[in-house]
Amino acid sequence: MERYERLERIVHKSTHDVVTEVDGLSEQLIISTIRAAFAHDAFLAEEGGKIDAVPPVGDSVVDPSAQRVWIIDPLDGTVNYANGIPVFCVSIGLAVGGQPVVGVVYDPVRDEMFSAQAGHGAQLDGLPIRHPAKEKLSDCVVSLSLPRGGWSMRDRRIRRQIRVSRSMGSAALALAYVGNGRFDAFVQAGGLSLWDVCAAGLIASEGGASITTLDGSAWFDMSRPSQSIGVVAAAPAHHATFMELLRSQATGGDLRVRRTPTIVARSSGRMPTAEENS
């Protein structure tokens, strides 16, 4: 936090994405700390990419079923951080054998720590949390992020059914909020990576929410490339409704039937005017 609003360097990773020196420093600190305790583990980090596991002495390979991978987003919400908007977090998850088993999302602004262990529930600052399902969808506050192109009708359908939508600019923090009901649901059509969802998805799930990809498949899959993941997380009673609202029309998208004027040849041989075709 000592560098917050006092950044010395901002690099544009793409047209709409940036990285600061804090991303790199945070990632290095996290990896070095974990490596000191778990020297043989692998890493998958947003800035540094994949770091392979180091087999124990005497072993030539690491058993895939026991493969431990720490999945790290050192600063989720970098654009917020770089612009002085106090909504960002650190996300650290551990996957063993391809499944998330531990997740931590830390919000340094509020000094809040969301955590979860597979099969043992979710916590906020060490106290158990649960997703308090609301009876009516119309009472729900939803973290909603759908692309403009081809999704406008589905976006409108959801907005008409819920109370209000919000977009925080930190997907991991927003998804973790589902774990204790600050958000009643989290809907994002794509653009997420494993480091966005590993810890936060486990927190939401262990808090009692149902979570899947947009096609209903498992929300966590180590084989998925970065920025390819879409997630729906909501109370079990509402998850199916959100999935239905997200389904495209029978044509497969937000397509509208447009009438194409038919040009009819007249005996005079002249083309009809616009008024005649209307």
Protein backbone atom coordinates (compact mmCIF):
# COMPACT_ATOMS: atom_id res chain seq x y z
CA MET A 1 0.00 0.00 0.00
CA GLU A 2 2.98 2.36 0.42
CA ARG A 3 3.07 2.80 -3.39
CA TYR A 4 -0.66 3.37 -3.77
CA GLU A 5 -1.25 6.67 -5.63
CA ARG A 6 2.53 7.12 -5.87
CA LEU A 7 3.36 4.92 -8.84
CA GLU A 8 6.57 5.50 -10.72
CA ARG A 9 5.93 3.29 -13.74
CA ILE A 10 2.84 2.15 -15.65
CA VAL A 11 3.18 -0.06 -18.73
CA HIS A 12 0.36 -0.70 -21.20
CA LYS A 13 0.04 -4.46 -21.76
CA SER A 14 -2.70 -3.87 -24.31
CA THR A 15 -5.09 -1.13 -25.38
CA HIS A 16 -7.20 -1.50 -22.23
CA ASP A 17 -4.83 -3.22 -19.80
CA VAL A 18 -1.92 -1.93 -17.78
CA VAL A 19 0.73 -3.29 -15.44
CA THR A 20 2.57 -1.36 -12.74
CA GLU A 21 5.81 -1.98 -10.92
CA VAL A 22 3.69 -3.08 -7.96
CA ASP A 23 2.34 -6.07 -9.93
CA GLY A 24 5.86 -7.38 -10.43
CA LEU A 25 7.07 -6.63 -6.90
CA SER A 26 4.01 -8.22 -5.34
CA GLU A 27 4.35 -11.33 -7.49
CA GLN A 28 8.04 -11.75 -6.67
CA LEU A 29 7.37 -11.41 -2.95
CA ILE A 30 4.52 -13.96 -3.03
CA ILE A 31 6.47 -16.54 -5.04
CA SER A 32 9.63 -16.22 -2.96
CA THR A 33 7.65 -16.60 0.26
CA ILE A 34 5.78 -19.69 -0.94
CA ARG A 35 8.89 -21.23 -2.48
CA ALA A 36 10.73 -20.92 0.85
CA ALA A 37 8.09 -23.18 2.40
CA PHE A 38 7.23 -25.41 -0.59
CA ALA A 39 10.37 -25.69 -2.69
CA HIS A 40 9.04 -28.30 -5.11
CA ASP A 41 5.73 -26.64 -6.07
CA ALA A 42 4.83 -25.14 -9.43
CA PHE A 43 3.46 -21.66 -10.05
CA LEU A 44 1.11 -19.98 -12.51
CA ALA A 45 1.20 -16.21 -12.13
CA GLU A 46 -0.31 -13.42 -14.18
CA GLU A 47 2.90 -11.53 -14.84
CA GLY A 48 5.53 -14.27 -14.75
CA GLY A 49 3.54 -17.07 -16.35
CA LYS A 50 4.20 -20.72 -15.60
CA ILE A 51 7.06 -21.92 -13.40
CA ASP A 52 7.43 -25.70 -13.49
CA ALA A 53 7.63 -27.83 -10.38
CA VAL A 54 11.01 -29.02 -9.18
CA PRO A 55 10.89 -32.79 -8.51
CA PRO A 56 12.26 -33.92 -5.13
CA VAL A 57 15.75 -35.39 -5.11
CA GLY A 58 15.65 -38.87 -6.62
CA ASP A 59 12.46 -38.25 -8.64
CA SER A 60 12.63 -37.45 -12.34
CA VAL A 61 9.04 -36.20 -12.69
CA VAL A 62 6.19 -34.95 -10.53
CA ASP A 63 3.11 -37.19 -10.32
CA PRO A 64 0.32 -35.27 -12.14
CA SER A 65 -2.25 -36.48 -9.59
CA ALA A 66 -0.21 -34.84 -6.84
CA GLN A 67 0.93 -31.78 -8.82
CA ARG A 68 0.70 -28.67 -6.65
CA VAL A 69 0.32 -25.38 -8.50
CA TRP A 70 0.05 -21.98 -6.84
CA ILE A 71 -2.10 -19.71 -9.02
CA ILE A 72 -1.43 -16.05 -8.37
CA ASP A 73 -2.81 -12.68 -9.34
CA PRO A 74 -0.49 -10.26 -7.52
CA LEU A 75 -2.78 -7.27 -8.12
CA ASP A 76 -6.28 -7.82 -9.46
CA GLY A 77 -7.77 -4.48 -10.36
CA THR A 78 -4.56 -2.89 -11.65
CA VAL A 79 -6.40 -0.18 -13.58
CA ASN A 80 -8.23 0.81 -10.39
CA TYR A 81 -4.96 0.82 -8.46
CA ALA A 82 -3.17 2.89 -11.09
CA ASN A 83 -5.97 5.47 -11.09
CA GLY A 84 -6.32 5.74 -7.32
CA ILE A 85 -9.63 3.84 -7.16
CA PRO A 86 -9.55 1.86 -3.90
CA VAL A 87 -10.92 -1.42 -5.26
CA PHE A 88 -8.27 -4.08 -5.88
CA CYS A 89 -6.95 -7.24 -4.26
CA VAL A 90 -4.34 -9.99 -4.16
CA SER A 91 -5.51 -13.47 -5.15
CA ILE A 92 -3.66 -16.69 -4.31
CA GLY A 93 -5.01 -20.17 -4.96
CA LEU A 94 -3.54 -23.66 -4.66
CA ALA A 95 -4.59 -26.41 -7.04
CA VAL A 96 -3.62 -30.02 -6.36
CA GLY A 97 -4.09 -32.59 -9.09
CA GLY A 98 -5.91 -30.00 -11.16
CA GLN A 99 -8.46 -29.06 -8.50
CA PRO A 100 -8.54 -25.93 -6.31
CA VAL A 101 -8.07 -26.80 -2.64
CA VAL A 102 -7.11 -23.51 -0.99
CA GLY A 103 -7.95 -19.92 -1.89
CA VAL A 104 -7.18 -16.52 -0.40
CA VAL A 105 -8.33 -13.10 -1.61
CA TYR A 106 -6.91 -10.17 0.33
CA ASP A 107 -8.25 -6.63 0.12
CA PRO A 108 -5.50 -4.34 1.48
CA VAL A 109 -7.71 -1.25 1.45
CA ARG A 110 -10.23 -2.72 3.89
CA ASP A 111 -7.70 -5.14 5.43
CA GLU A 112 -10.10 -8.01 4.72
CA MET A 113 -9.05 -11.58 4.07
CA PHE A 114 -11.44 -13.95 2.32
CA SER A 115 -10.30 -17.57 2.44
CA ALA A 116 -11.55 -21.07 1.73
CA GLN A 117 -10.43 -24.67 1.94
CA ALA A 118 -12.13 -27.30 -0.19
CA GLY A 119 -14.67 -29.16 1.90
CA HIS A 120 -14.20 -26.91 4.92
CA GLY A 121 -16.17 -23.80 4.04
CA ALA A 122 -15.24 -20.16 3.52
CA GLN A 123 -14.17 -17.46 5.94
CA LEU A 124 -13.77 -13.71 6.19
CA ASP A 125 -11.03 -12.68 8.61
CA GLY A 126 -11.18 -16.11 10.22
CA LEU A 127 -14.95 -16.16 10.77
CA PRO A 128 -17.22 -18.50 8.79
CA ILE A 129 -19.29 -16.97 6.00
CA ARG A 130 -22.24 -18.23 3.96
CA HIS A 131 -24.04 -16.98 0.90
CA PRO A 132 -27.45 -15.78 2.18
CA ALA A 133 -29.74 -16.66 -0.72
CA LYS A 134 -32.48 -14.12 -1.34
CA GLU A 135 -35.93 -15.42 -2.16
CA LYS A 136 -36.60 -13.05 -5.04
CA LEU A 137 -34.35 -12.48 -8.02
CA SER A 138 -35.67 -8.92 -8.11
CA ASP A 139 -33.87 -8.26 -4.80
CA CYS A 140 -30.48 -9.38 -6.12
CA VAL A 141 -27.43 -7.14 -6.59
CA VAL A 142 -25.28 -8.65 -9.32
CA SER A 143 -21.72 -8.19 -10.53
CA LEU A 144 -22.49 -8.20 -14.25
CA SER A 145 -20.03 -8.00 -17.12
CA LEU A 146 -21.24 -8.92 -20.60
CA PRO A 147 -19.69 -7.81 -23.88
CA ARG A 148 -21.57 -5.34 -26.04
CA GLY A 149 -21.44 -7.18 -29.31
CA GLY A 150 -24.06 -9.93 -29.56
CA TRP A 151 -25.07 -9.83 -25.89
CA SER A 152 -27.30 -6.77 -25.64
CA MET A 153 -30.60 -8.67 -25.45
CA ARG A 154 -29.27 -11.04 -22.77
CA ASP A 155 -27.87 -8.09 -20.83
CA ARG A 156 -31.27 -6.39 -20.89
CA ARG A 157 -33.05 -9.59 -19.86
CA ILE A 158 -30.89 -9.92 -16.76
CA ARG A 159 -31.12 -6.25 -15.82
CA ARG A 160 -34.90 -6.36 -16.01
CA GLN A 161 -35.02 -9.27 -13.55
CA ILE A 162 -32.59 -8.07 -10.86
CA ARG A 163 -32.48 -5.09 -8.54
CA VAL A 164 -29.25 -3.54 -9.86
CA SER A 165 -25.92 -4.49 -11.40
CA ARG A 166 -22.44 -3.33 -10.50
CA SER A 167 -18.99 -3.61 -12.06
CA MET A 168 -16.11 -3.16 -9.60
CA GLY A 169 -13.10 -3.54 -11.85
CA SER A 170 -11.70 -6.42 -9.77
CA ALA A 171 -13.18 -9.76 -10.81
CA ALA A 172 -11.52 -11.77 -8.04
CA LEU A 173 -12.83 -9.47 -5.31
CA ALA A 174 -16.32 -9.35 -6.82
CA LEU A 175 -16.47 -13.15 -7.09
CA ALA A 176 -15.23 -13.53 -3.51
CA TYR A 177 -18.06 -11.21 -2.44
CA VAL A 178 -20.52 -13.88 -3.56
CA GLY A 179 -19.18 -16.02 -0.73
CA ASN A 180 -20.84 -13.85 1.92
CA GLY A 181 -23.60 -12.26 -0.14
CA ARG A 182 -22.22 -8.80 -0.76
CA PHE A 183 -22.99 -9.78 -4.33
CA ASP A 184 -25.94 -12.08 -4.83
CA ALA A 185 -24.49 -13.26 -8.12
CA PHE A 186 -21.47 -12.87 -10.37
CA VAL A 187 -21.92 -13.07 -14.14
CA GLN A 188 -19.07 -12.53 -16.57
CA ALA A 189 -19.18 -13.84 -20.13
CA GLY A 190 -15.43 -14.16 -20.68
CA GLY A 191 -12.06 -12.52 -20.36
CA LEU A 192 -11.16 -14.25 -17.10
CA SER A 193 -8.06 -16.31 -16.39
CA LEU A 194 -7.27 -19.04 -13.88
CA TRP A 195 -5.67 -16.52 -11.52
CA ASP A 196 -8.94 -14.54 -11.48
CA VAL A 197 -11.15 -17.47 -10.52
CA CYS A 198 -9.09 -20.07 -8.66
CA ALA A 199 -9.21 -18.56 -5.17
CA ALA A 200 -12.36 -16.48 -5.54
CA GLY A 201 -14.36 -19.27 -7.15
CA LEU A 202 -13.48 -21.62 -4.30
CA ILE A 203 -14.55 -18.96 -1.79
CA ALA A 204 -17.90 -18.48 -3.56
CA SER A 205 -18.45 -22.23 -3.85
CA GLU A 206 -17.50 -23.00 -0.26
CA GLY A 207 -19.75 -20.15 0.82
CA GLY A 208 -22.67 -22.05 -0.67
CA ALA A 209 -23.06 -20.56 -4.14
CA SER A 210 -23.41 -22.63 -7.30
CA ILE A 211 -20.72 -21.80 -9.84
CA THR A 212 -20.21 -22.99 -13.42
CA THR A 213 -19.00 -21.73 -16.76
CA LEU A 214 -21.61 -20.21 -19.06
CA ASP A 215 -22.21 -23.58 -20.73
CA GLY A 216 -22.77 -25.28 -17.39
CA SER A 217 -19.45 -27.09 -17.21
CA ALA A 218 -16.95 -27.11 -14.34
CA TRP A 219 -15.78 -23.61 -13.51
CA PHE A 220 -12.16 -24.64 -12.94
CA ASP A 221 -10.10 -26.31 -15.64
CA MET A 222 -6.32 -26.04 -15.67
CA SER A 223 -6.24 -26.47 -19.46
CA ARG A 224 -8.13 -23.26 -20.17
CA PRO A 225 -6.04 -20.49 -21.75
CA SER A 226 -5.87 -17.06 -20.19
CA GLN A 227 -8.72 -14.62 -20.77
CA SER A 228 -11.00 -17.41 -22.01
CA ILE A 229 -13.11 -18.12 -18.93
CA GLY A 230 -16.68 -17.01 -18.29
CA VAL A 231 -18.40 -17.70 -14.97
CA VAL A 232 -21.86 -17.68 -13.43
CA ALA A 233 -21.99 -17.83 -9.63
CA ALA A 234 -25.25 -17.49 -7.72
CA ALA A 235 -27.41 -19.03 -5.04
CA PRO A 236 -28.46 -22.56 -6.07
CA ALA A 237 -32.07 -21.40 -6.27
CA HIS A 238 -31.20 -18.70 -8.81
CA HIS A 239 -28.29 -20.20 -10.75
CA ALA A 240 -30.50 -21.98 -13.28
CA THR A 241 -32.48 -18.80 -13.85
CA PHE A 242 -29.34 -16.84 -14.70
CA MET A 243 -28.25 -19.61 -17.05
CA GLU A 244 -31.61 -19.45 -18.81
CA LEU A 245 -31.44 -15.66 -19.09
CA LEU A 246 -27.99 -15.98 -20.65
CA ARG A 247 -29.07 -18.45 -23.30
CA SER A 248 -29.16 -16.86 -26.74
CA GLN A 249 -32.23 -16.89 -28.95
CA ALA A 250 -33.00 -19.94 -31.06
CA THR A 251 -30.84 -18.50 -33.80
CA GLY A 252 -27.83 -18.63 -31.46
CA GLY A 253 -27.41 -14.95 -30.73
CA ASP A 254 -28.96 -11.53 -30.51
CA LEU A 255 -30.10 -11.63 -34.09
CA ARG A 256 -33.09 -9.66 -35.26
CA VAL A 257 -35.16 -10.55 -38.28
CA ARG A 258 -34.86 -7.73 -40.74
CA ARG A 259 -37.16 -7.25 -43.68
CA THR A 260 -35.35 -6.96 -46.95
CA PRO A 261 -37.29 -4.96 -49.54
CA THR A 262 -38.24 -7.03 -52.55
CA ILE A 263 -37.63 -5.38 -55.86
CA VAL A 264 -40.29 -6.30 -58.39
CA ALA A 265 -39.86 -5.54 -62.06
CA ARG A 266 -42.69 -3.53 -63.60
CA SER A 267 -43.95 -3.84 -67.13
CA SER A 268 -42.61 -0.40 -67.92
CA GLY A 269 -39.10 -1.70 -67.29
CA ARG A 270 -38.31 1.04 -64.77
CA MET A 271 -37.16 0.25 -61.21
CA PRO A 272 -39.68 1.04 -58.45
CA THR A 273 -39.08 4.10 -56.31
CA ALA A 274 -38.38 3.92 -52.60
CA GLU A 275 -41.94 5.08 -51.91
CA GLU A 276 -43.33 2.25 -54.01
CA ASN A 277 -41.22 -0.30 -52.18
CA SER A 278 -42.14 0.96 -48.72
